[in-house]
N, C-alpha and C. Protein backbone atom coordinates (compact mmCIF):
# COMPACT_ATOMS: atom_id res chain seq x y z
N MET A 1 0.83 -0.90 0.15
CA MET A 1 0.07 0.43 0.35
C MET A 1 0.91 1.18 -0.12
N ALA A 2 0.58 1.91 -0.55
CA ALA A 2 1.35 3.30 -1.17
C ALA A 2 1.28 4.05 0.51
N ARG A 3 1.77 5.19 0.59
CA ARG A 3 1.96 5.65 1.74
C ARG A 3 2.03 7.04 2.40
N LYS A 4 1.23 7.85 0.85
CA LYS A 4 0.29 8.59 0.71
C LYS A 4 -0.52 8.28 -0.57
N TYR A 5 -1.50 9.28 -0.10
CA TYR A 5 -2.08 8.83 -1.07
C TYR A 5 -2.09 10.42 -2.67
N ASP A 6 -2.16 9.75 -3.71
CA ASP A 6 -1.64 11.28 -4.64
C ASP A 6 -3.30 11.82 -5.14
N ILE A 7 -3.15 12.64 -4.29
CA ILE A 7 -4.37 14.00 -4.61
C ILE A 7 -3.52 14.95 -5.47
N PRO A 8 -5.05 15.04 -6.41
CA PRO A 8 -4.73 16.12 -7.98
C PRO A 8 -4.62 17.32 -7.21
N LYS A 9 -4.50 18.23 -7.64
CA LYS A 9 -4.26 19.79 -7.64
C LYS A 9 -5.49 20.35 -8.11
N THR A 10 -6.15 19.57 -8.93
CA THR A 10 -7.55 20.41 -9.03
C THR A 10 -8.49 19.71 -9.73
N PHE A 11 -9.93 19.75 -9.62
CA PHE A 11 -11.03 18.68 -10.05
C PHE A 11 -11.58 19.71 -10.19
N GLU A 12 -13.01 18.38 -10.58
CA GLU A 12 -14.11 19.44 -11.23
C GLU A 12 -15.00 18.93 -10.89
N LEU A 13 -16.03 19.81 -10.45
CA LEU A 13 -17.87 19.55 -10.30
C LEU A 13 -18.84 20.31 -11.80
N ASP A 14 -19.47 19.52 -11.71
CA ASP A 14 -20.80 20.12 -12.18
C ASP A 14 -21.45 21.26 -12.38
N ALA A 15 -22.00 21.80 -12.40
CA ALA A 15 -22.58 23.36 -11.95
C ALA A 15 -23.57 22.71 -11.35
N GLU A 16 -24.63 21.73 -11.52
CA GLU A 16 -25.61 21.03 -10.60
C GLU A 16 -25.66 20.54 -9.57
N ILE A 17 -23.95 19.96 -9.01
CA ILE A 17 -23.35 19.70 -7.79
C ILE A 17 -23.53 21.11 -7.04
N VAL A 18 -22.47 22.17 -7.72
CA VAL A 18 -22.21 23.09 -6.90
C VAL A 18 -23.92 24.14 -6.65
N ASP A 19 -24.72 24.28 -7.19
CA ASP A 19 -26.09 24.54 -6.97
C ASP A 19 -26.89 24.20 -6.02
N LEU A 20 -26.45 22.35 -6.18
CA LEU A 20 -26.99 22.15 -4.93
C LEU A 20 -26.29 22.24 -3.55
N ILE A 21 -24.64 22.70 -3.89
CA ILE A 21 -23.93 22.90 -2.75
C ILE A 21 -24.52 24.60 -1.95
N ALA A 22 -24.52 25.37 -3.08
CA ALA A 22 -24.78 26.15 -2.63
C ALA A 22 -26.06 26.57 -1.70
N ALA A 23 -27.22 25.86 -2.25
CA ALA A 23 -28.87 25.79 -2.16
C ALA A 23 -28.66 24.86 -0.69
N GLN A 24 -28.13 24.04 -0.31
CA GLN A 24 -28.47 23.95 1.59
C GLN A 24 -27.41 24.32 2.53
N SER A 25 -26.04 25.14 1.54
CA SER A 25 -25.68 25.76 2.40
C SER A 25 -26.80 27.37 2.71
N LEU A 26 -27.25 27.69 2.00
CA LEU A 26 -28.23 28.91 2.22
C LEU A 26 -29.06 28.19 3.26
N LYS A 27 -29.73 27.46 2.87
CA LYS A 27 -30.55 26.43 3.42
C LYS A 27 -30.45 26.77 4.98
N ASP A 28 -29.22 26.04 4.99
CA ASP A 28 -28.50 25.92 6.32
C ASP A 28 -28.42 27.26 6.71
N HIS A 29 -28.26 28.22 6.73
CA HIS A 29 -28.20 29.98 7.17
C HIS A 29 -30.02 30.23 7.81
N TYR A 30 -30.56 30.08 6.64
CA TYR A 30 -32.70 29.98 6.74
C TYR A 30 -32.19 29.29 8.31
N ASN A 31 -32.24 28.20 8.15
CA ASN A 31 -32.31 27.83 9.91
C ASN A 31 -32.08 28.07 10.84
N MET A 32 -30.71 28.46 10.52
CA MET A 32 -29.73 29.06 11.91
C MET A 32 -30.68 31.09 12.24
N ALA A 33 -30.77 30.94 11.41
CA ALA A 33 -32.16 32.22 11.66
C ALA A 33 -32.77 32.15 12.17
N VAL A 34 -33.75 31.44 11.58
CA VAL A 34 -34.95 31.29 11.84
C VAL A 34 -35.16 30.51 13.56
N ASP A 35 -34.23 29.71 13.73
CA ASP A 35 -34.19 29.27 15.11
C ASP A 35 -33.54 30.27 15.91
N SER A 36 -32.41 31.60 16.00
CA SER A 36 -32.40 32.29 16.74
C SER A 36 -33.11 33.62 16.86
N VAL A 37 -34.49 33.54 15.63
CA VAL A 37 -35.78 34.24 16.03
C VAL A 37 -36.63 33.59 16.73
N ASP A 38 -36.57 32.23 16.97
CA ASP A 38 -37.52 31.74 18.08
C ASP A 38 -36.99 31.50 19.23
N ASN A 39 -35.75 31.26 19.26
CA ASN A 39 -34.93 31.68 20.59
C ASN A 39 -35.25 33.01 21.48
N PHE A 40 -35.62 33.88 20.39
CA PHE A 40 -35.87 35.57 21.02
C PHE A 40 -37.01 35.60 21.48
N VAL A 41 -38.51 35.19 19.98
CA VAL A 41 -39.84 35.15 20.64
C VAL A 41 -39.96 34.43 21.62
N LEU A 42 -39.67 33.24 21.68
CA LEU A 42 -40.05 32.09 22.75
C LEU A 42 -39.97 32.00 23.47
N HIS A 43 -38.37 32.15 24.12
CA HIS A 43 -37.71 31.70 24.92
C HIS A 43 -36.98 32.95 25.54
N GLN A 44 -37.23 34.12 24.96
CA GLN A 44 -36.01 35.81 25.45
C GLN A 44 -35.14 35.56 25.45
N LYS A 45 -34.53 34.95 24.70
CA LYS A 45 -32.37 34.53 24.98
C LYS A 45 -31.95 35.26 23.66
N GLY A 46 -31.53 36.57 23.79
CA GLY A 46 -30.75 36.90 22.97
C GLY A 46 -31.15 39.26 23.24
N CYS A 47 -30.70 38.91 22.14
CA CYS A 47 -31.28 40.58 22.48
C CYS A 47 -31.51 41.35 21.23
N PRO A 48 -32.23 42.20 21.32
CA PRO A 48 -33.38 42.87 20.35
C PRO A 48 -32.32 43.38 18.77
N ALA A 49 -30.93 43.85 19.23
CA ALA A 49 -30.17 43.82 17.65
C ALA A 49 -30.35 42.30 16.97
N ASP A 50 -29.77 41.72 17.84
CA ASP A 50 -29.78 40.34 17.13
C ASP A 50 -31.21 39.84 16.95
N TYR A 51 -32.04 40.03 17.23
CA TYR A 51 -33.63 39.64 16.75
C TYR A 51 -33.63 40.34 15.14
N GLU A 52 -33.51 41.46 16.07
CA GLU A 52 -33.20 42.48 14.00
C GLU A 52 -32.76 41.89 13.26
N TYR A 53 -31.40 41.73 12.94
CA TYR A 53 -30.35 41.42 12.19
C TYR A 53 -30.31 39.78 12.47
N TYR A 54 -31.18 38.80 12.33
CA TYR A 54 -31.81 37.50 12.11
C TYR A 54 -33.31 37.63 11.22
N MET A 55 -34.16 38.70 11.90
CA MET A 55 -35.11 38.30 11.04
C MET A 55 -34.49 39.31 9.06
N LYS A 56 -33.77 40.48 9.09
CA LYS A 56 -33.37 40.69 8.46
C LYS A 56 -32.34 39.15 7.22
N LEU A 57 -31.77 39.17 7.30
CA LEU A 57 -30.97 38.00 7.34
C LEU A 57 -32.06 36.80 6.74
N LYS A 58 -32.62 36.42 7.49
CA LYS A 58 -34.15 35.37 7.48
C LYS A 58 -34.59 36.10 5.90
N ASN A 59 -35.13 36.69 5.79
CA ASN A 59 -35.92 37.06 4.99
C ASN A 59 -35.30 37.07 3.85
N SER A 60 -33.94 37.61 3.64
CA SER A 60 -33.06 37.86 2.66
C SER A 60 -32.77 36.53 1.74
N LEU A 61 -32.15 35.55 2.95
CA LEU A 61 -32.35 34.23 2.24
C LEU A 61 -33.21 33.20 1.84
N LYS A 62 -34.49 34.01 2.34
CA LYS A 62 -35.71 33.80 1.50
C LYS A 62 -36.09 33.99 -0.09
N ILE A 63 -35.53 35.06 0.57
CA ILE A 63 -35.71 35.75 -0.69
C ILE A 63 -34.91 35.08 -2.13
N VAL A 64 -33.77 34.48 -1.82
CA VAL A 64 -32.36 34.11 -2.58
C VAL A 64 -32.71 32.98 -2.88
N LEU A 65 -33.73 32.56 -1.50
CA LEU A 65 -34.07 30.62 -1.99
C LEU A 65 -34.88 30.17 -2.84
N ASP A 66 -36.12 31.60 -2.94
CA ASP A 66 -37.48 32.13 -3.86
C ASP A 66 -36.72 32.30 -5.40
N TYR A 67 -36.03 32.61 -5.37
CA TYR A 67 -35.41 33.37 -6.57
C TYR A 67 -34.48 31.91 -7.38
N TYR A 68 -33.86 30.90 -6.79
CA TYR A 68 -33.36 30.00 -7.31
C TYR A 68 -34.03 28.67 -7.07
N GLY A 69 -34.98 28.73 -6.75
CA GLY A 69 -36.40 28.46 -6.86
C GLY A 69 -35.81 26.90 -5.83
N ARG A 70 -35.65 26.79 -4.86
CA ARG A 70 -34.59 25.58 -4.07
C ARG A 70 -35.55 26.34 -2.69
């Protein structure tokens, strides 16, 4: 067995895979923003400035996800 693996310096991903990775990342950030908003509203955790930030972020991510149809 070789001591080290031969790892190519570059590789290619097709556009569909890249789009799926980006969409999953955006959805993850959206879910984290929703969790932060819920923690503030339901459990009184966090500060009002964070709530406002996460509300704007959540709404912005929703627009981007809707635009890309994800």
